[in-house]
Amino acid sequence: MANFVLNAQTRADDKQGKGASRRLRREALVPAIIYGGDAAPVTVTLELREVVKALESANFFEEVIEIKVGDKVENVKIQALQRHPAKNTPMHADFKRA
């Protein structure tokens, strides 16, 4: 079992792009993508408070993370994380399937 478990919701096609991502961030959500392996890429949203809590541990960048998307569980490792330049809050995350 992974030490880090994040809950996510899939993003619809109308919730893609710069404007939609800005609206998600105002709602305390972090846009993210899960890619790699044989499956197709999946765009998701994570709750900001869950991501910030996980980022408190340095192991978050080294260990396998479980992301629950509906009834499916993805085992991933964080590939990239973009932060706001002044606030240092997460703005977007890329996860690669492990």
N, C-alpha and C. Protein backbone atom coordinates (compact mmCIF):
# COMPACT_ATOMS: atom_id res chain seq x y z
N MET A 1 0.84 -1.18 0.00
CA MET A 1 0.00 0.00 0.00
C MET A 1 0.88 1.24 0.00
N ALA A 2 0.49 2.20 -0.77
CA ALA A 2 1.24 3.45 -0.88
C ALA A 2 0.98 4.32 0.35
N ASN A 3 1.98 5.11 0.70
CA ASN A 3 1.83 6.04 1.82
C ASN A 3 0.96 7.24 1.46
N PHE A 4 0.89 7.55 0.17
CA PHE A 4 0.14 8.72 -0.28
C PHE A 4 -1.03 8.27 -1.14
N VAL A 5 -2.22 8.69 -0.75
CA VAL A 5 -3.43 8.38 -1.50
C VAL A 5 -4.15 9.70 -1.76
N LEU A 6 -4.39 9.99 -3.03
CA LEU A 6 -5.09 11.21 -3.43
C LEU A 6 -6.38 10.83 -4.13
N ASN A 7 -7.43 11.58 -3.88
CA ASN A 7 -8.70 11.39 -4.56
C ASN A 7 -8.78 12.38 -5.71
N ALA A 8 -9.24 11.91 -6.85
CA ALA A 8 -9.30 12.76 -8.04
C ALA A 8 -10.62 12.55 -8.77
N GLN A 9 -10.98 13.57 -9.55
CA GLN A 9 -12.13 13.48 -10.44
C GLN A 9 -11.63 13.71 -11.86
N THR A 10 -12.22 12.99 -12.81
CA THR A 10 -11.82 13.21 -14.20
C THR A 10 -12.35 14.56 -14.67
N ARG A 11 -11.61 15.16 -15.60
CA ARG A 11 -12.02 16.46 -16.16
C ARG A 11 -12.68 16.23 -17.50
N ALA A 12 -13.79 16.89 -17.71
CA ALA A 12 -14.49 16.81 -19.00
C ALA A 12 -13.73 17.65 -20.03
N ASP A 13 -14.05 17.44 -21.29
CA ASP A 13 -13.37 18.17 -22.36
C ASP A 13 -13.61 19.68 -22.28
N ASP A 14 -14.75 20.10 -21.74
CA ASP A 14 -15.01 21.53 -21.63
C ASP A 14 -14.27 22.16 -20.45
N LYS A 15 -13.63 21.36 -19.62
CA LYS A 15 -12.84 21.88 -18.49
C LYS A 15 -11.35 21.85 -18.81
N GLN A 16 -10.99 21.88 -20.09
CA GLN A 16 -9.60 21.87 -20.52
C GLN A 16 -9.21 23.29 -20.94
N GLY A 17 -7.93 23.57 -20.86
CA GLY A 17 -7.45 24.86 -21.35
C GLY A 17 -7.12 25.83 -20.24
N LYS A 18 -6.58 26.98 -20.65
CA LYS A 18 -6.10 27.98 -19.70
C LYS A 18 -7.22 28.58 -18.85
N GLY A 19 -8.30 29.00 -19.48
CA GLY A 19 -9.40 29.63 -18.74
C GLY A 19 -10.05 28.66 -17.77
N ALA A 20 -10.28 27.44 -18.23
CA ALA A 20 -10.90 26.44 -17.37
C ALA A 20 -9.99 26.09 -16.19
N SER A 21 -8.68 26.00 -16.44
CA SER A 21 -7.74 25.71 -15.37
C SER A 21 -7.73 26.83 -14.33
N ARG A 22 -7.83 28.07 -14.78
CA ARG A 22 -7.88 29.19 -13.84
C ARG A 22 -9.13 29.13 -12.99
N ARG A 23 -10.27 28.76 -13.59
CA ARG A 23 -11.51 28.61 -12.82
C ARG A 23 -11.40 27.48 -11.80
N LEU A 24 -10.74 26.39 -12.18
CA LEU A 24 -10.55 25.28 -11.24
C LEU A 24 -9.68 25.72 -10.06
N ARG A 25 -8.63 26.47 -10.33
CA ARG A 25 -7.74 26.92 -9.25
C ARG A 25 -8.46 27.85 -8.28
N ARG A 26 -9.39 28.67 -8.79
CA ARG A 26 -10.17 29.53 -7.91
C ARG A 26 -11.08 28.72 -7.00
N GLU A 27 -11.44 27.50 -7.42
CA GLU A 27 -12.28 26.61 -6.62
C GLU A 27 -11.44 25.69 -5.73
N ALA A 28 -10.16 26.00 -5.55
CA ALA A 28 -9.22 25.22 -4.73
C ALA A 28 -9.02 23.82 -5.28
N LEU A 29 -8.93 23.73 -6.61
CA LEU A 29 -8.64 22.46 -7.28
C LEU A 29 -7.37 22.61 -8.09
N VAL A 30 -6.65 21.51 -8.25
CA VAL A 30 -5.39 21.52 -8.99
C VAL A 30 -5.57 20.65 -10.23
N PRO A 31 -5.44 21.22 -11.44
CA PRO A 31 -5.51 20.39 -12.64
C PRO A 31 -4.27 19.50 -12.73
N ALA A 32 -4.46 18.27 -13.21
CA ALA A 32 -3.35 17.32 -13.31
C ALA A 32 -3.61 16.37 -14.47
N ILE A 33 -2.56 15.65 -14.85
CA ILE A 33 -2.67 14.65 -15.91
C ILE A 33 -1.93 13.39 -15.47
N ILE A 34 -2.50 12.24 -15.84
CA ILE A 34 -1.87 10.95 -15.60
C ILE A 34 -1.59 10.33 -16.96
N TYR A 35 -0.34 9.96 -17.22
CA TYR A 35 0.03 9.41 -18.52
C TYR A 35 1.05 8.30 -18.35
N GLY A 36 1.37 7.65 -19.45
CA GLY A 36 2.36 6.58 -19.45
C GLY A 36 1.72 5.21 -19.51
N GLY A 37 2.54 4.20 -19.70
CA GLY A 37 2.02 2.84 -19.79
C GLY A 37 1.26 2.63 -21.08
N ASP A 38 0.39 1.63 -21.10
CA ASP A 38 -0.38 1.32 -22.29
C ASP A 38 -1.71 2.06 -22.36
N ALA A 39 -2.15 2.62 -21.24
CA ALA A 39 -3.45 3.29 -21.19
C ALA A 39 -3.34 4.72 -21.74
N ALA A 40 -4.47 5.26 -22.12
CA ALA A 40 -4.52 6.62 -22.64
C ALA A 40 -4.33 7.63 -21.50
N PRO A 41 -3.83 8.82 -21.80
CA PRO A 41 -3.70 9.85 -20.76
C PRO A 41 -5.07 10.24 -20.21
N VAL A 42 -5.09 10.57 -18.91
CA VAL A 42 -6.32 10.95 -18.23
C VAL A 42 -6.10 12.30 -17.57
N THR A 43 -6.98 13.26 -17.85
CA THR A 43 -6.90 14.56 -17.18
C THR A 43 -7.81 14.52 -15.96
N VAL A 44 -7.28 14.97 -14.82
CA VAL A 44 -8.01 14.91 -13.56
C VAL A 44 -7.86 16.22 -12.81
N THR A 45 -8.64 16.36 -11.75
CA THR A 45 -8.48 17.46 -10.82
C THR A 45 -8.30 16.89 -9.42
N LEU A 46 -7.41 17.51 -8.66
CA LEU A 46 -7.13 17.11 -7.29
C LEU A 46 -7.50 18.26 -6.37
N GLU A 47 -7.83 17.93 -5.13
CA GLU A 47 -8.12 18.99 -4.16
C GLU A 47 -6.81 19.61 -3.70
N LEU A 48 -6.78 20.94 -3.65
CA LEU A 48 -5.57 21.67 -3.29
C LEU A 48 -5.07 21.28 -1.91
N ARG A 49 -5.97 21.17 -0.95
CA ARG A 49 -5.54 20.87 0.43
C ARG A 49 -4.90 19.49 0.53
N GLU A 50 -5.37 18.50 -0.25
CA GLU A 50 -4.76 17.17 -0.24
C GLU A 50 -3.35 17.21 -0.81
N VAL A 51 -3.17 17.96 -1.89
CA VAL A 51 -1.87 18.05 -2.53
C VAL A 51 -0.88 18.78 -1.62
N VAL A 52 -1.31 19.87 -1.01
CA VAL A 52 -0.43 20.62 -0.11
C VAL A 52 -0.02 19.76 1.08
N LYS A 53 -0.93 18.99 1.63
CA LYS A 53 -0.62 18.11 2.76
C LYS A 53 0.40 17.05 2.34
N ALA A 54 0.23 16.48 1.15
CA ALA A 54 1.17 15.46 0.67
C ALA A 54 2.55 16.07 0.40
N LEU A 55 2.58 17.32 -0.06
CA LEU A 55 3.86 17.98 -0.37
C LEU A 55 4.68 18.29 0.87
N GLU A 56 4.07 18.22 2.04
CA GLU A 56 4.82 18.47 3.28
C GLU A 56 5.90 17.42 3.51
N SER A 57 5.74 16.25 2.91
CA SER A 57 6.71 15.18 3.06
C SER A 57 7.62 15.13 1.84
N ALA A 58 8.91 15.02 2.06
CA ALA A 58 9.86 14.92 0.95
C ALA A 58 9.71 13.59 0.22
N ASN A 59 9.16 12.58 0.88
CA ASN A 59 8.98 11.27 0.25
C ASN A 59 7.94 11.29 -0.86
N PHE A 60 7.12 12.33 -0.92
CA PHE A 60 6.10 12.44 -1.96
C PHE A 60 6.72 12.38 -3.35
N PHE A 61 7.93 12.89 -3.51
CA PHE A 61 8.59 12.93 -4.81
C PHE A 61 9.34 11.64 -5.12
N GLU A 62 9.43 10.72 -4.16
CA GLU A 62 10.21 9.50 -4.35
C GLU A 62 9.36 8.24 -4.39
N GLU A 63 8.23 8.22 -3.71
CA GLU A 63 7.44 7.01 -3.56
C GLU A 63 6.31 6.94 -4.57
N VAL A 64 5.74 5.74 -4.69
CA VAL A 64 4.59 5.52 -5.56
C VAL A 64 3.35 6.08 -4.85
N ILE A 65 2.53 6.79 -5.61
CA ILE A 65 1.34 7.45 -5.09
C ILE A 65 0.12 6.76 -5.69
N GLU A 66 -0.90 6.55 -4.87
CA GLU A 66 -2.17 6.01 -5.36
C GLU A 66 -3.11 7.18 -5.63
N ILE A 67 -3.65 7.22 -6.82
CA ILE A 67 -4.66 8.22 -7.16
C ILE A 67 -5.95 7.47 -7.47
N LYS A 68 -6.98 7.75 -6.70
CA LYS A 68 -8.27 7.11 -6.91
C LYS A 68 -9.10 7.99 -7.82
N VAL A 69 -9.39 7.46 -9.01
CA VAL A 69 -10.21 8.17 -9.99
C VAL A 69 -11.50 7.37 -10.14
N GLY A 70 -12.53 7.81 -9.46
CA GLY A 70 -13.78 7.06 -9.45
C GLY A 70 -13.58 5.74 -8.73
N ASP A 71 -13.85 4.62 -9.41
CA ASP A 71 -13.65 3.30 -8.80
C ASP A 71 -12.32 2.68 -9.23
N LYS A 72 -11.53 3.40 -10.00
CA LYS A 72 -10.24 2.91 -10.48
C LYS A 72 -9.10 3.52 -9.67
N VAL A 73 -8.05 2.73 -9.43
CA VAL A 73 -6.88 3.22 -8.69
C VAL A 73 -5.68 3.19 -9.62
N GLU A 74 -5.01 4.32 -9.72
CA GLU A 74 -3.80 4.44 -10.55
C GLU A 74 -2.59 4.54 -9.62
N ASN A 75 -1.57 3.71 -9.87
CA ASN A 75 -0.30 3.80 -9.14
C ASN A 75 0.65 4.63 -9.99
N VAL A 76 1.06 5.77 -9.46
CA VAL A 76 1.84 6.73 -10.24
C VAL A 76 3.01 7.28 -9.42
N LYS A 77 3.92 7.94 -10.13
CA LYS A 77 4.97 8.73 -9.50
C LYS A 77 4.86 10.13 -10.08
N ILE A 78 5.16 11.13 -9.27
CA ILE A 78 5.06 12.50 -9.75
C ILE A 78 6.21 12.77 -10.71
N GLN A 79 5.87 13.33 -11.86
CA GLN A 79 6.86 13.62 -12.90
C GLN A 79 7.22 15.10 -12.89
N ALA A 80 6.22 15.97 -12.73
CA ALA A 80 6.47 17.41 -12.73
C ALA A 80 5.41 18.10 -11.89
N LEU A 81 5.80 19.20 -11.27
CA LEU A 81 4.87 19.99 -10.46
C LEU A 81 5.17 21.46 -10.71
N GLN A 82 4.15 22.18 -11.19
CA GLN A 82 4.32 23.61 -11.38
C GLN A 82 3.70 24.34 -10.19
N ARG A 83 4.42 25.33 -9.69
CA ARG A 83 3.95 26.11 -8.54
C ARG A 83 3.78 27.58 -8.94
N HIS A 84 2.92 28.28 -8.20
CA HIS A 84 2.74 29.71 -8.41
C HIS A 84 4.04 30.40 -8.01
N PRO A 85 4.54 31.35 -8.80
CA PRO A 85 5.83 31.96 -8.49
C PRO A 85 5.87 32.75 -7.18
N ALA A 86 4.78 33.36 -6.78
CA ALA A 86 4.79 34.17 -5.56
C ALA A 86 4.20 33.41 -4.37
N LYS A 87 3.11 32.70 -4.59
CA LYS A 87 2.42 32.02 -3.48
C LYS A 87 2.99 30.65 -3.17
N ASN A 88 3.71 30.05 -4.12
CA ASN A 88 4.30 28.73 -3.98
C ASN A 88 3.25 27.62 -3.86
N THR A 89 2.01 27.87 -4.26
CA THR A 89 0.98 26.84 -4.24
C THR A 89 1.04 26.05 -5.55
N PRO A 90 0.68 24.78 -5.52
CA PRO A 90 0.70 23.97 -6.74
C PRO A 90 -0.31 24.48 -7.77
N MET A 91 0.12 24.55 -9.02
CA MET A 91 -0.77 25.01 -10.10
C MET A 91 -1.14 23.89 -11.05
N HIS A 92 -0.24 22.93 -11.25
CA HIS A 92 -0.49 21.80 -12.16
C HIS A 92 0.47 20.68 -11.80
N ALA A 93 0.02 19.43 -11.95
CA ALA A 93 0.86 18.28 -11.66
C ALA A 93 0.80 17.28 -12.80
N ASP A 94 1.93 16.67 -13.09
CA ASP A 94 2.03 15.59 -14.07
C ASP A 94 2.41 14.33 -13.32
N PHE A 95 1.66 13.26 -13.55
CA PHE A 95 1.95 11.98 -12.92
C PHE A 95 2.19 10.93 -13.99
N LYS A 96 3.18 10.08 -13.79
CA LYS A 96 3.51 9.01 -14.73
C LYS A 96 3.18 7.68 -14.08
N ARG A 97 2.48 6.82 -14.81
CA ARG A 97 2.11 5.52 -14.27
C ARG A 97 3.36 4.72 -13.93
N ALA A 98 3.31 4.07 -12.78
CA ALA A 98 4.47 3.28 -12.31
C ALA A 98 4.38 1.85 -12.80
